[in-house]
Amino acid sequence: MEVINFSLEKKLSAPGGVMPLEVECTLKAGELITLYGESGAGKTSILRMLAGLMKPDTGRIEVSGEVWYDREKNIFFRPQDRGIGYVFQDYALFPNMTVRKNLEYALVRGQNKSIVEELIEISALGDLQHRKPETLSGGQKQRVALTRALVRKPKLLLLDEPLSAIDHQMRLRLQDYILKVHEQYHLTTILVSHDVSEIFKMSDEILFIKNGKIFQRGTPLELFSKKHLRGKFQFIGEVIEISKEDVVYLISILVGNQLIKVVVDKEIAKDLRPYDKVLVASKAFNPMIQKIG
């Protein structure tokens, strides 16, 4: 099984002074891994070092048997030599180029242009391909940026909170798109996200980064659930409304585009507030709710 090994050390500037980032990890190729933690914990710095945009003070990066960085052996692959796709929050599209030209610009010399046609079809960008970024919505721009990152068929797709500035409905659609291309192209994807419902929906594993260290790692259920809920059906949703009905409480929860209502007792209801993220499980037609995050 192909793996990704990295050991990174870097002194980072932080509000309280210098924060030493020290992370060492082995990841299985083909998975979608999320870096989670507070702002300033070092998540984006880890992405930038993996991409070659920031040089570690010391360490090593090996992807599928290829060494991208080794301080002791003086190996340092440039970003363009690493086989990575990187998507930023701000799209970073060329404003003077059409959608198609933005995609073609990402081709390496000698690469078959058929990949652009393939990606335009998969990404449903056909109607937008001759338009310039200034005429696109935020969701459309991000879809172009995500698609452009796939042109070189990267060994590693790095996503730095790519959906944080997009409205809820478009965010759900782009989550589905990322999962689709992740599976279709057998990518290894590392995502930075603060959105717990997004993390539950998309992640195989989470690395919880705290003060420049990997504080915890595990599945979303392991990291965000105080106790494991078991059930045939499990959904992540957001509490919209809490209302009292006689001796019980009715919780309205938005799951994707659907609003569901669950009856709970006072003990569960007292810990819930609107906008809380919850895990809803159903076992033997008995719904259970647990707050997460």
Protein backbone atom coordinates (compact mmCIF):
# COMPACT_ATOMS: atom_id res chain seq x y z
CA MET A 1 0.00 0.00 0.00
CA GLU A 2 1.33 3.43 -0.97
CA VAL A 3 1.78 5.86 1.89
CA ILE A 4 2.75 9.45 2.59
CA ASN A 5 5.36 10.02 5.27
CA PHE A 6 6.32 13.42 6.54
CA SER A 7 8.31 14.79 9.44
CA LEU A 8 8.33 18.58 9.61
CA GLU A 9 9.85 21.11 11.96
CA LYS A 10 9.53 24.86 11.58
CA LYS A 11 9.65 27.86 13.90
CA LEU A 12 6.53 29.90 13.12
CA SER A 13 5.69 33.45 14.14
CA ALA A 14 2.63 33.54 16.41
CA PRO A 15 0.83 36.31 18.36
CA GLY A 16 2.50 35.10 21.56
CA GLY A 17 5.96 34.86 20.00
CA VAL A 18 7.59 31.92 18.23
CA MET A 19 5.62 28.67 17.97
CA PRO A 20 7.64 25.54 17.13
CA LEU A 21 5.75 23.37 14.65
CA GLU A 22 6.73 19.72 14.99
CA VAL A 23 4.63 17.10 13.21
CA GLU A 24 5.39 13.55 12.16
CA CYS A 25 2.82 11.41 10.39
CA THR A 26 2.14 8.51 8.04
CA LEU A 27 -1.00 8.68 5.88
CA LYS A 28 -2.51 6.07 3.59
CA ALA A 29 -2.68 7.09 -0.04
CA GLY A 30 -6.20 7.41 -1.43
CA GLU A 31 -7.79 8.83 1.71
CA LEU A 32 -9.28 12.24 2.44
CA ILE A 33 -7.65 13.63 5.56
CA THR A 34 -8.72 16.81 7.33
CA LEU A 35 -6.47 19.10 9.35
CA TYR A 36 -8.59 20.57 12.12
CA GLY A 37 -7.77 23.02 14.89
CA GLU A 38 -7.88 26.65 15.94
CA SER A 39 -6.60 29.46 13.73
CA GLY A 40 -2.84 29.79 14.11
CA ALA A 41 -2.34 26.14 15.09
CA GLY A 42 -0.16 25.47 12.03
CA LYS A 43 -2.59 23.79 9.60
CA THR A 44 -1.93 26.02 6.58
CA SER A 45 1.82 25.93 7.26
CA ILE A 46 1.72 22.14 7.04
CA LEU A 47 -0.04 22.36 3.66
CA ARG A 48 2.46 24.94 2.40
CA MET A 49 5.43 22.79 3.44
CA LEU A 50 3.93 19.72 1.75
CA ALA A 51 3.41 21.85 -1.38
CA GLY A 52 6.94 23.26 -1.35
CA LEU A 53 5.72 26.82 -0.85
CA MET A 54 7.37 26.97 2.58
CA LYS A 55 10.66 25.29 3.45
CA PRO A 56 10.82 23.43 6.77
CA ASP A 57 13.75 24.06 9.08
CA THR A 58 14.37 20.33 9.04
CA GLY A 59 12.55 17.08 8.29
CA ARG A 60 11.54 14.81 5.42
CA ILE A 61 8.63 14.34 2.99
CA GLU A 62 8.15 11.10 1.07
CA VAL A 63 5.14 10.48 -1.19
CA SER A 64 4.59 7.02 -2.68
CA GLY A 65 8.30 6.23 -2.45
CA GLU A 66 9.47 9.54 -3.93
CA VAL A 67 11.40 11.86 -1.61
CA TRP A 68 10.24 15.48 -2.05
CA TYR A 69 12.24 16.93 0.81
CA ASP A 70 15.10 15.74 2.97
CA ARG A 71 17.14 18.29 4.89
CA GLU A 72 20.01 15.91 5.62
CA LYS A 73 20.37 14.85 1.97
CA ASN A 74 19.77 18.39 0.66
CA ILE A 75 16.73 17.31 -1.39
CA PHE A 76 14.08 19.92 -2.09
CA PHE A 77 11.59 19.50 -4.94
CA ARG A 78 10.08 22.71 -6.28
CA PRO A 79 6.25 22.98 -6.10
CA GLN A 80 5.92 22.33 -9.85
CA ASP A 81 7.94 19.11 -9.49
CA ARG A 82 5.89 17.63 -6.64
CA GLY A 83 2.74 16.52 -8.43
CA ILE A 84 0.42 18.51 -6.18
CA GLY A 85 -2.80 20.41 -6.70
CA TYR A 86 -3.37 23.33 -4.33
CA VAL A 87 -6.65 25.21 -3.89
CA PHE A 88 -6.72 28.43 -1.88
CA GLN A 89 -9.63 30.28 -0.31
CA ASP A 90 -9.36 33.16 -2.80
CA TYR A 91 -9.56 31.09 -6.04
CA ALA A 92 -6.32 32.60 -7.51
CA LEU A 93 -7.68 32.55 -11.07
CA PHE A 94 -6.11 34.61 -13.85
CA PRO A 95 -8.63 37.43 -14.47
CA ASN A 96 -7.56 38.04 -18.07
CA MET A 97 -8.08 34.39 -19.08
CA THR A 98 -11.26 32.47 -19.82
CA VAL A 99 -12.17 29.42 -17.75
CA ARG A 100 -10.74 27.15 -20.46
CA LYS A 101 -7.50 29.15 -20.66
CA ASN A 102 -7.15 28.99 -16.86
CA LEU A 103 -7.37 25.21 -17.08
CA GLU A 104 -5.00 24.96 -20.06
CA TYR A 105 -2.44 27.14 -18.29
CA ALA A 106 -2.08 24.38 -15.67
CA LEU A 107 -0.94 21.83 -18.28
CA VAL A 108 2.69 20.78 -18.13
CA ARG A 109 4.77 20.87 -21.31
CA GLY A 110 3.86 17.99 -23.59
CA GLN A 111 0.78 16.96 -21.59
CA ASN A 112 -2.21 15.78 -23.61
CA LYS A 113 -4.88 18.50 -23.68
CA SER A 114 -7.64 15.89 -23.59
CA ILE A 115 -7.57 16.09 -19.78
CA VAL A 116 -9.00 19.63 -20.05
CA GLU A 117 -11.94 18.37 -22.12
CA GLU A 118 -12.46 15.52 -19.68
CA LEU A 119 -12.47 17.83 -16.66
CA ILE A 120 -14.76 20.38 -18.29
CA GLU A 121 -17.28 17.59 -18.82
CA ILE A 122 -16.93 16.11 -15.33
CA SER A 123 -17.14 19.55 -13.71
CA ALA A 124 -20.08 20.68 -15.86
CA LEU A 125 -18.12 23.77 -16.94
CA GLY A 126 -19.08 23.58 -20.61
CA ASP A 127 -21.40 26.59 -20.47
CA LEU A 128 -18.79 28.62 -18.56
CA GLN A 129 -15.61 27.68 -20.43
CA HIS A 130 -15.44 30.84 -22.56
CA ARG A 131 -16.28 33.26 -19.75
CA LYS A 132 -13.79 35.18 -17.64
CA PRO A 133 -13.65 34.94 -13.82
CA GLU A 134 -15.18 38.39 -13.26
CA THR A 135 -18.47 37.12 -14.74
CA LEU A 136 -18.67 34.08 -12.44
CA SER A 137 -20.25 33.63 -9.02
CA GLY A 138 -18.12 32.66 -6.01
CA GLY A 139 -19.23 29.04 -6.27
CA GLN A 140 -18.44 28.90 -9.99
CA LYS A 141 -14.99 30.42 -9.44
CA GLN A 142 -14.20 27.87 -6.76
CA ARG A 143 -15.37 25.03 -9.01
CA VAL A 144 -12.95 26.31 -11.68
CA ALA A 145 -10.13 26.55 -9.11
CA LEU A 146 -10.82 23.00 -7.91
CA THR A 147 -10.91 21.72 -11.48
CA ARG A 148 -7.68 23.51 -12.40
CA ALA A 149 -5.93 21.78 -9.48
CA LEU A 150 -6.76 18.42 -11.10
CA VAL A 151 -5.31 19.14 -14.54
CA ARG A 152 -1.90 17.62 -13.73
CA LYS A 153 -3.52 14.57 -12.07
CA PRO A 154 -1.85 15.34 -8.72
CA LYS A 155 -0.49 12.76 -6.34
CA LEU A 156 -1.64 15.04 -3.54
CA LEU A 157 -4.58 17.47 -3.56
CA LEU A 158 -4.27 20.20 -0.92
CA LEU A 159 -7.38 22.21 -0.03
CA ASP A 160 -7.01 25.21 2.30
CA GLU A 161 -10.57 25.97 3.48
CA PRO A 162 -11.72 26.19 -0.14
CA LEU A 163 -15.42 26.49 0.70
CA SER A 164 -15.35 28.90 3.64
CA ALA A 165 -16.57 31.95 1.68
CA ILE A 166 -19.38 30.19 -0.18
CA ASP A 167 -23.08 30.10 0.71
CA HIS A 168 -24.56 26.99 2.33
CA GLN A 169 -26.27 25.46 -0.72
CA MET A 170 -23.27 25.92 -3.01
CA ARG A 171 -21.00 24.61 -0.27
CA LEU A 172 -22.98 21.35 -0.13
CA ARG A 173 -22.79 20.99 -3.93
CA LEU A 174 -19.03 21.60 -3.98
CA GLN A 175 -18.50 19.12 -1.15
CA ASP A 176 -20.20 16.52 -3.36
CA TYR A 177 -18.01 17.58 -6.29
CA ILE A 178 -14.79 17.25 -4.26
CA LEU A 179 -15.82 13.79 -3.08
CA LYS A 180 -16.70 12.78 -6.64
CA VAL A 181 -13.33 13.78 -8.14
CA HIS A 182 -11.45 12.47 -5.09
CA GLU A 183 -12.91 9.01 -5.72
CA GLN A 184 -12.90 9.14 -9.53
CA TYR A 185 -9.22 10.13 -9.76
CA HIS A 186 -8.12 8.05 -6.75
CA LEU A 187 -6.64 11.13 -5.11
CA THR A 188 -5.00 11.57 -1.77
CA THR A 189 -6.59 14.74 -0.43
CA ILE A 190 -5.65 16.87 2.58
CA LEU A 191 -8.31 19.40 3.57
CA VAL A 192 -8.15 22.24 6.08
CA SER A 193 -11.62 22.89 7.52
CA HIS A 194 -13.30 24.26 10.64
CA ASP A 195 -16.79 23.08 9.66
CA VAL A 196 -17.69 19.99 11.69
CA SER A 197 -20.55 18.87 9.43
CA GLU A 198 -18.24 19.21 6.42
CA ILE A 199 -15.57 17.17 8.20
CA PHE A 200 -18.06 14.41 9.07
CA LYS A 201 -19.34 14.27 5.51
CA MET A 202 -15.99 14.20 3.77
CA SER A 203 -13.20 12.86 5.97
CA ASP A 204 -11.75 9.40 6.35
CA GLU A 205 -9.50 10.67 9.13
CA ILE A 206 -8.80 13.86 11.08
CA LEU A 207 -5.50 15.24 12.34
CA PHE A 208 -6.32 17.60 15.20
CA ILE A 209 -3.54 20.22 15.17
CA LYS A 210 -2.93 22.16 18.39
CA ASN A 211 -0.03 24.57 18.99
CA GLY A 212 1.98 23.12 16.12
CA LYS A 213 1.58 19.48 17.18
CA ILE A 214 -0.72 16.61 16.21
CA PHE A 215 -2.79 16.56 19.38
CA GLN A 216 -5.14 13.77 18.30
CA ARG A 217 -5.96 11.73 15.22
CA GLY A 218 -8.86 9.47 14.37
CA THR A 219 -12.16 9.26 12.55
CA PRO A 220 -14.69 12.11 12.87
CA LEU A 221 -16.81 9.97 15.19
CA GLU A 222 -13.84 9.21 17.43
CA LEU A 223 -12.76 12.83 17.74
CA PHE A 224 -16.06 14.67 17.97
CA SER A 225 -18.34 12.24 19.79
CA LYS A 226 -18.24 11.98 23.56
CA LYS A 227 -19.78 8.55 23.18
CA HIS A 228 -20.35 6.48 20.07
CA LEU A 229 -23.89 6.38 18.75
CA ARG A 230 -24.61 3.21 16.85
CA GLY A 231 -27.45 2.95 14.42
CA LYS A 232 -28.42 1.81 10.96
CA PHE A 233 -28.71 5.42 9.79
CA GLN A 234 -26.52 8.32 10.82
CA PHE A 235 -26.74 11.95 9.69
CA ILE A 236 -24.98 15.19 10.52
CA GLY A 237 -27.22 18.23 10.81
CA GLU A 238 -27.65 21.69 12.27
CA VAL A 239 -30.21 22.58 14.94
CA ILE A 240 -32.66 25.15 13.55
CA GLU A 241 -35.29 25.36 16.27
CA ILE A 242 -36.08 23.90 19.71
CA SER A 243 -39.69 23.94 20.89
CA LYS A 244 -41.46 22.42 23.88
CA GLU A 245 -44.42 20.13 23.29
CA ASP A 246 -46.10 19.14 26.57
CA VAL A 247 -43.44 17.15 28.48
CA VAL A 248 -41.08 16.61 25.54
CA TYR A 249 -39.10 18.81 23.17
CA LEU A 250 -39.26 18.95 19.38
CA ILE A 251 -35.89 19.59 17.69
CA SER A 252 -35.91 20.82 14.08
CA ILE A 253 -32.67 19.81 12.34
CA LEU A 254 -31.43 20.74 8.86
CA VAL A 255 -29.74 17.74 7.22
CA GLY A 256 -28.49 18.80 3.80
CA ASN A 257 -31.56 20.30 2.14
CA GLN A 258 -34.04 18.40 4.31
CA LEU A 259 -35.62 19.54 7.56
CA ILE A 260 -36.28 16.71 10.01
CA LYS A 261 -37.93 16.83 13.42
CA VAL A 262 -36.92 14.66 16.35
CA VAL A 263 -38.63 14.32 19.74
CA VAL A 264 -36.24 14.33 22.72
CA ASP A 265 -36.52 14.60 26.49
CA LYS A 266 -35.57 17.56 28.66
CA GLU A 267 -32.07 16.25 29.48
CA ILE A 268 -31.03 16.17 25.84
CA ALA A 269 -32.80 19.41 24.90
CA LYS A 270 -31.16 21.47 27.64
CA ASP A 271 -27.71 21.02 26.08
CA LEU A 272 -28.79 22.06 22.58
CA ARG A 273 -28.89 25.52 21.01
CA PRO A 274 -29.76 26.77 17.50
CA TYR A 275 -26.83 26.33 15.06
CA ASP A 276 -25.34 23.46 17.09
CA LYS A 277 -23.98 20.62 14.94
CA VAL A 278 -25.53 17.29 15.92
CA LEU A 279 -25.22 13.64 15.00
CA VAL A 280 -28.60 11.97 14.50
CA ALA A 281 -28.72 8.17 14.58
CA SER A 282 -31.68 5.84 14.21
CA LYS A 283 -31.81 2.36 15.67
CA ALA A 284 -34.97 0.27 15.64
CA PHE A 285 -36.89 3.43 14.63
CA ASN A 286 -35.71 5.19 17.79
CA PRO A 287 -33.91 8.44 16.88
CA MET A 288 -30.99 9.59 19.02
CA ILE A 289 -29.25 12.98 18.99
CA GLN A 290 -25.77 13.86 20.10
CA LYS A 291 -24.10 17.27 19.99
CA ILE A 292 -20.71 17.25 18.25
CA GLY A 293 -17.80 19.63 18.08
